[in-house]
Amino acid sequence: RLALRFFERAEPVVDSPWSIAVGGDFEFPQTRGPKPPGTDLFNRYVARLMSKAQSDGRLREALYRVFMMERPPTSLLRPSVAWRVLAPAV
């Protein structure tokens, strides 16, 4: 009973880091289990974000804040970030 209560309360804290940690696993065909809806789209978005963050300090900062768990992964979908990610490369 104690373990169940602990994990129920811990879920909101560990859910985002866990999603980040395992979301990329679905890039590999050996990964088994149900794939959450939108995983492929989000993985492509993050790949583009990481590529562009190499030369865009604002994207790099947004990415670092998620990696350091200062902001939730959904912050990478804010319009100010998404516009920079989806803008054509020059």
PDB file of N, CA and C in Angstrom:
ATOM      1  N   ARG A   1       0.809  -1.204   0.000  1.00  0.00           N
ATOM      2  CA  ARG A   1       0.000   0.000   0.000  1.00  0.00           C
ATOM      3  C   ARG A   1       0.846   1.260   0.000  1.00  0.00           C
ATOM      4  N   LEU A   2       1.884   1.260   0.808  1.00  0.00           N
ATOM      5  CA  LEU A   2       2.751   2.431   0.884  1.00  0.00           C
ATOM      6  C   LEU A   2       3.414   2.691  -0.471  1.00  0.00           C
ATOM      7  N   ALA A   3       3.881   1.617  -1.106  1.00  0.00           N
ATOM      8  CA  ALA A   3       4.532   1.773  -2.414  1.00  0.00           C
ATOM      9  C   ALA A   3       3.561   2.346  -3.438  1.00  0.00           C
ATOM     10  N   LEU A   4       2.347   1.869  -3.443  1.00  0.00           N
ATOM     11  CA  LEU A   4       1.346   2.370  -4.383  1.00  0.00           C
ATOM     12  C   LEU A   4       1.098   3.859  -4.169  1.00  0.00           C
ATOM     13  N   ARG A   5       0.951   4.274  -2.924  1.00  0.00           N
ATOM     14  CA  ARG A   5       0.739   5.699  -2.630  1.00  0.00           C
ATOM     15  C   ARG A   5       1.948   6.529  -3.062  1.00  0.00           C
ATOM     16  N   PHE A   6       3.141   5.994  -2.805  1.00  0.00           N
ATOM     17  CA  PHE A   6       4.356   6.712  -3.191  1.00  0.00           C
ATOM     18  C   PHE A   6       4.381   6.948  -4.697  1.00  0.00           C
ATOM     19  N   PHE A   7       4.176   5.892  -5.474  1.00  0.00           N
ATOM     20  CA  PHE A   7       4.264   6.021  -6.927  1.00  0.00           C
ATOM     21  C   PHE A   7       3.140   6.873  -7.503  1.00  0.00           C
ATOM     22  N   GLU A   8       1.975   6.835  -6.902  1.00  0.00           N
ATOM     23  CA  GLU A   8       0.893   7.709  -7.359  1.00  0.00           C
ATOM     24  C   GLU A   8       1.262   9.177  -7.162  1.00  0.00           C
ATOM     25  N   ARG A   9       1.916   9.474  -6.053  1.00  0.00           N
ATOM     26  CA  ARG A   9       2.312  10.862  -5.786  1.00  0.00           C
ATOM     27  C   ARG A   9       3.553  11.273  -6.566  1.00  0.00           C
ATOM     28  N   ALA A  10       4.400  10.327  -6.880  1.00  0.00           N
ATOM     29  CA  ALA A  10       5.630  10.632  -7.619  1.00  0.00           C
ATOM     30  C   ALA A  10       5.373  10.811  -9.110  1.00  0.00           C
ATOM     31  N   GLU A  11       4.292  10.258  -9.606  1.00  0.00           N
ATOM     32  CA  GLU A  11       4.020  10.288 -11.046  1.00  0.00           C
ATOM     33  C   GLU A  11       4.109  11.680 -11.666  1.00  0.00           C
ATOM     34  N   PRO A  12       3.487  12.708 -11.099  1.00  0.00           N
ATOM     35  CA  PRO A  12       3.583  14.029 -11.735  1.00  0.00           C
ATOM     36  C   PRO A  12       5.016  14.559 -11.813  1.00  0.00           C
ATOM     37  N   VAL A  13       5.852  14.138 -10.884  1.00  0.00           N
ATOM     38  CA  VAL A  13       7.235  14.619 -10.847  1.00  0.00           C
ATOM     39  C   VAL A  13       8.101  13.891 -11.867  1.00  0.00           C
ATOM     40  N   VAL A  14       7.910  12.594 -12.012  1.00  0.00           N
ATOM     41  CA  VAL A  14       8.792  11.799 -12.869  1.00  0.00           C
ATOM     42  C   VAL A  14       8.252  11.582 -14.277  1.00  0.00           C
ATOM     43  N   ASP A  15       7.007  11.947 -14.528  1.00  0.00           N
ATOM     44  CA  ASP A  15       6.392  11.665 -15.826  1.00  0.00           C
ATOM     45  C   ASP A  15       7.128  12.341 -16.985  1.00  0.00           C
ATOM     46  N   SER A  16       7.404  13.628 -16.876  1.00  0.00           N
ATOM     47  CA  SER A  16       8.085  14.336 -17.969  1.00  0.00           C
ATOM     48  C   SER A  16       9.508  13.835 -18.196  1.00  0.00           C
ATOM     49  N   PRO A  17      10.343  13.719 -17.146  1.00  0.00           N
ATOM     50  CA  PRO A  17      11.693  13.191 -17.385  1.00  0.00           C
ATOM     51  C   PRO A  17      11.667  11.785 -17.987  1.00  0.00           C
ATOM     52  N   TRP A  18      10.734  10.965 -17.543  1.00  0.00           N
ATOM     53  CA  TRP A  18      10.640   9.611 -18.085  1.00  0.00           C
ATOM     54  C   TRP A  18      10.266   9.661 -19.570  1.00  0.00           C
ATOM     55  N   SER A  19       9.324  10.505 -19.930  1.00  0.00           N
ATOM     56  CA  SER A  19       8.922  10.628 -21.335  1.00  0.00           C
ATOM     57  C   SER A  19      10.094  11.069 -22.201  1.00  0.00           C
ATOM     58  N   ILE A  20      10.880  12.010 -21.703  1.00  0.00           N
ATOM     59  CA  ILE A  20      12.056  12.465 -22.445  1.00  0.00           C
ATOM     60  C   ILE A  20      13.045  11.316 -22.611  1.00  0.00           C
ATOM     61  N   ALA A  21      13.252  10.572 -21.534  1.00  0.00           N
ATOM     62  CA  ALA A  21      14.245   9.503 -21.554  1.00  0.00           C
ATOM     63  C   ALA A  21      13.881   8.377 -22.521  1.00  0.00           C
ATOM     64  N   VAL A  22      12.615   8.043 -22.618  1.00  0.00           N
ATOM     65  CA  VAL A  22      12.233   6.887 -23.430  1.00  0.00           C
ATOM     66  C   VAL A  22      11.606   7.248 -24.766  1.00  0.00           C
ATOM     67  N   GLY A  23      11.258   8.510 -24.985  1.00  0.00           N
ATOM     68  CA  GLY A  23      10.598   8.896 -26.232  1.00  0.00           C
ATOM     69  C   GLY A  23      11.418   8.585 -27.465  1.00  0.00           C
ATOM     70  N   GLY A  24      12.721   8.777 -27.377  1.00  0.00           N
ATOM     71  CA  GLY A  24      13.598   8.502 -28.514  1.00  0.00           C
ATOM     72  C   GLY A  24      13.788   7.024 -28.796  1.00  0.00           C
ATOM     73  N   ASP A  25      13.397   6.168 -27.852  1.00  0.00           N
ATOM     74  CA  ASP A  25      13.561   4.729 -28.059  1.00  0.00           C
ATOM     75  C   ASP A  25      12.803   4.240 -29.283  1.00  0.00           C
ATOM     76  N   PHE A  26      11.720   4.920 -29.623  1.00  0.00           N
ATOM     77  CA  PHE A  26      10.904   4.471 -30.746  1.00  0.00           C
ATOM     78  C   PHE A  26      11.551   4.763 -32.093  1.00  0.00           C
ATOM     79  N   GLU A  27      12.720   5.382 -32.091  1.00  0.00           N
ATOM     80  CA  GLU A  27      13.488   5.547 -33.323  1.00  0.00           C
ATOM     81  C   GLU A  27      14.068   4.205 -33.770  1.00  0.00           C
ATOM     82  N   PHE A  28      14.144   3.257 -32.854  1.00  0.00           N
ATOM     83  CA  PHE A  28      14.739   1.957 -33.135  1.00  0.00           C
ATOM     84  C   PHE A  28      13.652   0.914 -33.357  1.00  0.00           C
ATOM     85  N   PRO A  29      13.768   0.122 -34.426  1.00  0.00           N
ATOM     86  CA  PRO A  29      12.723  -0.864 -34.727  1.00  0.00           C
ATOM     87  C   PRO A  29      12.603  -1.958 -33.663  1.00  0.00           C
ATOM     88  N   GLN A  30      13.638  -2.161 -32.858  1.00  0.00           N
ATOM     89  CA  GLN A  30      13.599  -3.205 -31.830  1.00  0.00           C
ATOM     90  C   GLN A  30      12.719  -2.818 -30.643  1.00  0.00           C
ATOM     91  N   THR A  31      12.355  -1.550 -30.539  1.00  0.00           N
ATOM     92  CA  THR A  31      11.544  -1.099 -29.406  1.00  0.00           C
ATOM     93  C   THR A  31      10.165  -1.731 -29.482  1.00  0.00           C
ATOM     94  N   ARG A  32       9.740  -2.281 -28.368  1.00  0.00           N
ATOM     95  CA  ARG A  32       8.437  -2.944 -28.299  1.00  0.00           C
ATOM     96  C   ARG A  32       7.510  -2.158 -27.383  1.00  0.00           C
ATOM     97  N   GLY A  33       6.241  -2.417 -27.548  1.00  0.00           N
ATOM     98  CA  GLY A  33       5.251  -1.771 -26.691  1.00  0.00           C
ATOM     99  C   GLY A  33       4.481  -0.719 -27.452  1.00  0.00           C
ATOM    100  N   PRO A  34       3.415  -0.244 -26.843  1.00  0.00           N
ATOM    101  CA  PRO A  34       2.577   0.746 -27.521  1.00  0.00           C
ATOM    102  C   PRO A  34       3.289   2.090 -27.638  1.00  0.00           C
ATOM    103  N   LYS A  35       3.255   2.640 -28.832  1.00  0.00           N
ATOM    104  CA  LYS A  35       3.864   3.943 -29.079  1.00  0.00           C
ATOM    105  C   LYS A  35       2.820   5.020 -28.804  1.00  0.00           C
ATOM    106  N   PRO A  36       3.135   5.953 -27.915  1.00  0.00           N
ATOM    107  CA  PRO A  36       2.171   7.026 -27.644  1.00  0.00           C
ATOM    108  C   PRO A  36       1.860   7.820 -28.911  1.00  0.00           C
ATOM    109  N   PRO A  37       0.620   8.268 -29.074  1.00  0.00           N
ATOM    110  CA  PRO A  37       0.265   9.057 -30.256  1.00  0.00           C
ATOM    111  C   PRO A  37       1.154  10.298 -30.365  1.00  0.00           C
ATOM    112  N   GLY A  38       1.572  10.596 -31.580  1.00  0.00           N
ATOM    113  CA  GLY A  38       2.373  11.789 -31.828  1.00  0.00           C
ATOM    114  C   GLY A  38       3.862  11.610 -31.607  1.00  0.00           C
ATOM    115  N   THR A  39       4.295  10.407 -31.227  1.00  0.00           N
ATOM    116  CA  THR A  39       5.712  10.184 -30.928  1.00  0.00           C
ATOM    117  C   THR A  39       6.595  10.467 -32.135  1.00  0.00           C
ATOM    118  N   ASP A  40       6.231   9.960 -33.302  1.00  0.00           N
ATOM    119  CA  ASP A  40       7.064  10.167 -34.494  1.00  0.00           C
ATOM    120  C   ASP A  40       7.172  11.648 -34.841  1.00  0.00           C
ATOM    121  N   LEU A  41       6.055  12.338 -34.796  1.00  0.00           N
ATOM    122  CA  LEU A  41       6.054  13.766 -35.104  1.00  0.00           C
ATOM    123  C   LEU A  41       6.915  14.536 -34.103  1.00  0.00           C
ATOM    124  N   PHE A  42       6.756  14.246 -32.823  1.00  0.00           N
ATOM    125  CA  PHE A  42       7.533  14.952 -31.803  1.00  0.00           C
ATOM    126  C   PHE A  42       9.020  14.631 -31.933  1.00  0.00           C
ATOM    127  N   ASN A  43       9.366  13.372 -32.237  1.00  0.00           N
ATOM    128  CA  ASN A  43      10.780  13.015 -32.404  1.00  0.00           C
ATOM    129  C   ASN A  43      11.401  13.754 -33.589  1.00  0.00           C
ATOM    130  N   ARG A  44      10.657  13.916 -34.677  1.00  0.00           N
ATOM    131  CA  ARG A  44      11.179  14.680 -35.825  1.00  0.00           C
ATOM    132  C   ARG A  44      11.355  16.146 -35.446  1.00  0.00           C
ATOM    133  N   TYR A  45      10.405  16.679 -34.715  1.00  0.00           N
ATOM    134  CA  TYR A  45      10.477  18.068 -34.260  1.00  0.00           C
ATOM    135  C   TYR A  45      11.711  18.273 -33.370  1.00  0.00           C
ATOM    136  N   VAL A  46      11.921  17.364 -32.426  1.00  0.00           N
ATOM    137  CA  VAL A  46      13.065  17.486 -31.515  1.00  0.00           C
ATOM    138  C   VAL A  46      14.381  17.335 -32.275  1.00  0.00           C
ATOM    139  N   ALA A  47      14.430  16.453 -33.261  1.00  0.00           N
ATOM    140  CA  ALA A  47      15.650  16.308 -34.064  1.00  0.00           C
ATOM    141  C   ALA A  47      15.970  17.616 -34.784  1.00  0.00           C
ATOM    142  N   ARG A  48      14.951  18.245 -35.337  1.00  0.00           N
ATOM    143  CA  ARG A  48      15.158  19.536 -36.016  1.00  0.00           C
ATOM    144  C   ARG A  48      15.550  20.615 -35.004  1.00  0.00           C
ATOM    145  N   LEU A  49      14.911  20.612 -33.854  1.00  0.00           N
ATOM    146  CA  LEU A  49      15.244  21.556 -32.791  1.00  0.00           C
ATOM    147  C   LEU A  49      16.706  21.403 -32.378  1.00  0.00           C
ATOM    148  N   MET A  50      17.155  20.195 -32.169  1.00  0.00           N
ATOM    149  CA  MET A  50      18.537  19.966 -31.746  1.00  0.00           C
ATOM    150  C   MET A  50      19.525  20.394 -32.821  1.00  0.00           C
ATOM    151  N   SER A  51      19.179  20.151 -34.063  1.00  0.00           N
ATOM    152  CA  SER A  51      20.047  20.572 -35.160  1.00  0.00           C
ATOM    153  C   SER A  51      20.148  22.094 -35.224  1.00  0.00           C
ATOM    154  N   LYS A  52      19.014  22.759 -35.150  1.00  0.00           N
ATOM    155  CA  LYS A  52      19.006  24.225 -35.237  1.00  0.00           C
ATOM    156  C   LYS A  52      19.600  24.877 -33.986  1.00  0.00           C
ATOM    157  N   ALA A  53      19.505  24.204 -32.845  1.00  0.00           N
ATOM    158  CA  ALA A  53      20.039  24.761 -31.597  1.00  0.00           C
ATOM    159  C   ALA A  53      21.558  24.901 -31.646  1.00  0.00           C
ATOM    160  N   GLN A  54      22.197  24.205 -32.565  1.00  0.00           N
ATOM    161  CA  GLN A  54      23.653  24.327 -32.691  1.00  0.00           C
ATOM    162  C   GLN A  54      24.062  25.732 -33.104  1.00  0.00           C
ATOM    163  N   SER A  55      23.182  26.416 -33.828  1.00  0.00           N
ATOM    164  CA  SER A  55      23.523  27.764 -34.297  1.00  0.00           C
ATOM    165  C   SER A  55      22.549  28.839 -33.807  1.00  0.00           C
ATOM    166  N   ASP A  56      21.550  28.459 -33.025  1.00  0.00           N
ATOM    167  CA  ASP A  56      20.555  29.412 -32.532  1.00  0.00           C
ATOM    168  C   ASP A  56      20.560  29.386 -31.003  1.00  0.00           C
ATOM    169  N   GLY A  57      21.095  30.429 -30.411  1.00  0.00           N
ATOM    170  CA  GLY A  57      21.226  30.491 -28.961  1.00  0.00           C
ATOM    171  C   GLY A  57      19.908  30.431 -28.216  1.00  0.00           C
ATOM    172  N   ARG A  58      18.858  30.999 -28.785  1.00  0.00           N
ATOM    173  CA  ARG A  58      17.554  30.963 -28.106  1.00  0.00           C
ATOM    174  C   ARG A  58      16.995  29.545 -28.057  1.00  0.00           C
ATOM    175  N   LEU A  59      17.172  28.806 -29.143  1.00  0.00           N
ATOM    176  CA  LEU A  59      16.722  27.416 -29.143  1.00  0.00           C
ATOM    177  C   LEU A  59      17.573  26.584 -28.190  1.00  0.00           C
ATOM    178  N   ARG A  60      18.865  26.837 -28.193  1.00  0.00           N
ATOM    179  CA  ARG A  60      19.762  26.114 -27.294  1.00  0.00           C
ATOM    180  C   ARG A  60      19.353  26.347 -25.834  1.00  0.00           C
ATOM    181  N   GLU A  61      19.056  27.591 -25.504  1.00  0.00           N
ATOM    182  CA  GLU A  61      18.629  27.931 -24.141  1.00  0.00           C
ATOM    183  C   GLU A  61      17.327  27.211 -23.781  1.00  0.00           C
ATOM    184  N   ALA A  62      16.360  27.203 -24.691  1.00  0.00           N
ATOM    185  CA  ALA A  62      15.082  26.518 -24.435  1.00  0.00           C
ATOM    186  C   ALA A  62      15.307  25.024 -24.201  1.00  0.00           C
ATOM    187  N   LEU A  63      16.173  24.436 -25.005  1.00  0.00           N
ATOM    188  CA  LEU A  63      16.480  23.013 -24.885  1.00  0.00           C
ATOM    189  C   LEU A  63      17.185  22.712 -23.566  1.00  0.00           C
ATOM    190  N   TYR A  64      18.160  23.522 -23.210  1.00  0.00           N
ATOM    191  CA  TYR A  64      18.882  23.317 -21.951  1.00  0.00           C
ATOM    192  C   TYR A  64      17.947  23.411 -20.752  1.00  0.00           C
ATOM    193  N   ARG A  65      17.013  24.347 -20.797  1.00  0.00           N
ATOM    194  CA  ARG A  65      16.098  24.507 -19.659  1.00  0.00           C
ATOM    195  C   ARG A  65      15.226  23.260 -19.469  1.00  0.00           C
ATOM    196  N   VAL A  66      14.897  22.593 -20.570  1.00  0.00           N
ATOM    197  CA  VAL A  66      14.141  21.341 -20.465  1.00  0.00           C
ATOM    198  C   VAL A  66      15.057  20.232 -19.957  1.00  0.00           C
ATOM    199  N   PHE A  67      16.275  20.145 -20.495  1.00  0.00           N
ATOM    200  CA  PHE A  67      17.212  19.110 -20.043  1.00  0.00           C
ATOM    201  C   PHE A  67      17.520  19.246 -18.550  1.00  0.00           C
ATOM    202  N   MET A  68      17.575  20.472 -18.056  1.00  0.00           N
ATOM    203  CA  MET A  68      17.868  20.715 -16.638  1.00  0.00           C
ATOM    204  C   MET A  68      16.605  20.642 -15.777  1.00  0.00           C
ATOM    205  N   MET A  69      15.486  20.298 -16.413  1.00  0.00           N
ATOM    206  CA  MET A  69      14.184  20.152 -15.753  1.00  0.00           C
ATOM    207  C   MET A  69      13.710  21.442 -15.086  1.00  0.00           C
ATOM    208  N   GLU A  70      14.119  22.566 -15.650  1.00  0.00           N
ATOM    209  CA  GLU A  70      13.618  23.858 -15.184  1.00  0.00           C
ATOM    210  C   GLU A  70      12.285  24.188 -15.845  1.00  0.00           C
ATOM    211  N   ARG A  71      12.076  23.612 -17.035  1.00  0.00           N
ATOM    212  CA  ARG A  71      10.830  23.829 -17.770  1.00  0.00           C
ATOM    213  C   ARG A  71      10.334  22.476 -18.278  1.00  0.00           C
ATOM    214  N   PRO A  72       9.027  22.349 -18.493  1.00  0.00           N
ATOM    215  CA  PRO A  72       8.493  21.080 -18.997  1.00  0.00           C
ATOM    216  C   PRO A  72       8.783  20.933 -20.494  1.00  0.00           C
ATOM    217  N   PRO A  73       8.796  19.700 -21.000  1.00  0.00           N
ATOM    218  CA  PRO A  73       9.025  19.485 -22.428  1.00  0.00           C
ATOM    219  C   PRO A  73       8.038  20.253 -23.308  1.00  0.00           C
ATOM    220  N   THR A  74       6.834  20.473 -22.821  1.00  0.00           N
ATOM    221  CA  THR A  74       5.845  21.210 -23.612  1.00  0.00           C
ATOM    222  C   THR A  74       6.286  22.645 -23.889  1.00  0.00           C
ATOM    223  N   SER A  75       7.227  23.166 -23.117  1.00  0.00           N
ATOM    224  CA  SER A  75       7.714  24.527 -23.369  1.00  0.00           C
ATOM    225  C   SER A  75       8.423  24.619 -24.717  1.00  0.00           C
ATOM    226  N   LEU A  76       8.870  23.487 -25.244  1.00  0.00           N
ATOM    227  CA  LEU A  76       9.526  23.475 -26.552  1.00  0.00           C
ATOM    228  C   LEU A  76       8.523  23.656 -27.688  1.00  0.00           C
ATOM    229  N   LEU A  77       7.245  23.649 -27.353  1.00  0.00           N
ATOM    230  CA  LEU A  77       6.197  23.835 -28.359  1.00  0.00           C
ATOM    231  C   LEU A  77       5.607  25.242 -28.317  1.00  0.00           C
ATOM    232  N   ARG A  78       6.115  26.090 -27.434  1.00  0.00           N
ATOM    233  CA  ARG A  78       5.640  27.478 -27.382  1.00  0.00           C
ATOM    234  C   ARG A  78       5.864  28.126 -28.746  1.00  0.00           C
ATOM    235  N   PRO A  79       4.983  29.028 -29.153  1.00  0.00           N
ATOM    236  CA  PRO A  79       5.136  29.666 -30.467  1.00  0.00           C
ATOM    237  C   PRO A  79       6.507  30.301 -30.682  1.00  0.00           C
ATOM    238  N   SER A  80       7.068  30.934 -29.666  1.00  0.00           N
ATOM    239  CA  SER A  80       8.372  31.589 -29.834  1.00  0.00           C
ATOM    240  C   SER A  80       9.478  30.590 -30.148  1.00  0.00           C
ATOM    241  N   VAL A  81       9.325  29.361 -29.701  1.00  0.00           N
ATOM    242  CA  VAL A  81      10.300  28.307 -30.000  1.00  0.00           C
ATOM    243  C   VAL A  81       9.938  27.632 -31.319  1.00  0.00           C
ATOM    244  N   ALA A  82       8.673  27.264 -31.464  1.00  0.00           N
ATOM    245  CA  ALA A  82       8.234  26.524 -32.655  1.00  0.00           C
ATOM    246  C   ALA A  82       8.512  27.286 -33.944  1.00  0.00           C
ATOM    247  N   TRP A  83       8.301  28.607 -33.941  1.00  0.00           N
ATOM    248  CA  TRP A  83       8.565  29.388 -35.156  1.00  0.00           C
ATOM    249  C   TRP A  83      10.025  29.262 -35.565  1.00  0.00           C
ATOM    250  N   ARG A  84      10.918  29.294 -34.587  1.00  0.00           N
ATOM    251  CA  ARG A  84      12.346  29.202 -34.893  1.00  0.00           C
ATOM    252  C   ARG A  84      12.710  27.796 -35.389  1.00  0.00           C
ATOM    253  N   VAL A  85      12.075  26.785 -34.812  1.00  0.00           N
ATOM    254  CA  VAL A  85      12.352  25.403 -35.216  1.00  0.00           C
ATOM    255  C   VAL A  85      11.841  25.145 -36.627  1.00  0.00           C
ATOM    256  N   LEU A  86      10.642  25.619 -36.920  1.00  0.00           N
ATOM    257  CA  LEU A  86       9.997  25.294 -38.192  1.00  0.00           C
ATOM    258  C   LEU A  86      10.354  26.247 -39.329  1.00  0.00           C
ATOM    259  N   ALA A  87      11.030  27.336 -39.012  1.00  0.00           N
ATOM    260  CA  ALA A  87      11.426  28.280 -40.066  1.00  0.00           C
ATOM    261  C   ALA A  87      12.384  27.596 -41.036  1.00  0.00           C
ATOM    262  N   PRO A  88      12.262  27.913 -42.321  1.00  0.00           N
ATOM    263  CA  PRO A  88      13.182  27.321 -43.298  1.00  0.00           C
ATOM    264  C   PRO A  88      14.625  27.705 -42.983  1.00  0.00           C
ATOM    265  N   ALA A  89      15.511  26.784 -43.236  1.00  0.00           N
ATOM    266  CA  ALA A  89      16.942  27.062 -43.043  1.00  0.00           C
ATOM    267  C   ALA A  89      17.402  28.049 -44.105  1.00  0.00           C
ATOM    268  N   VAL A  90      18.284  28.947 -43.707  1.00  0.00           N
ATOM    269  CA  VAL A  90      18.806  29.933 -44.673  1.00  0.00           C
ATOM    270  C   VAL A  90      20.228  29.623 -45.038  1.00  0.00           C
TER     271      VAL A  90
END
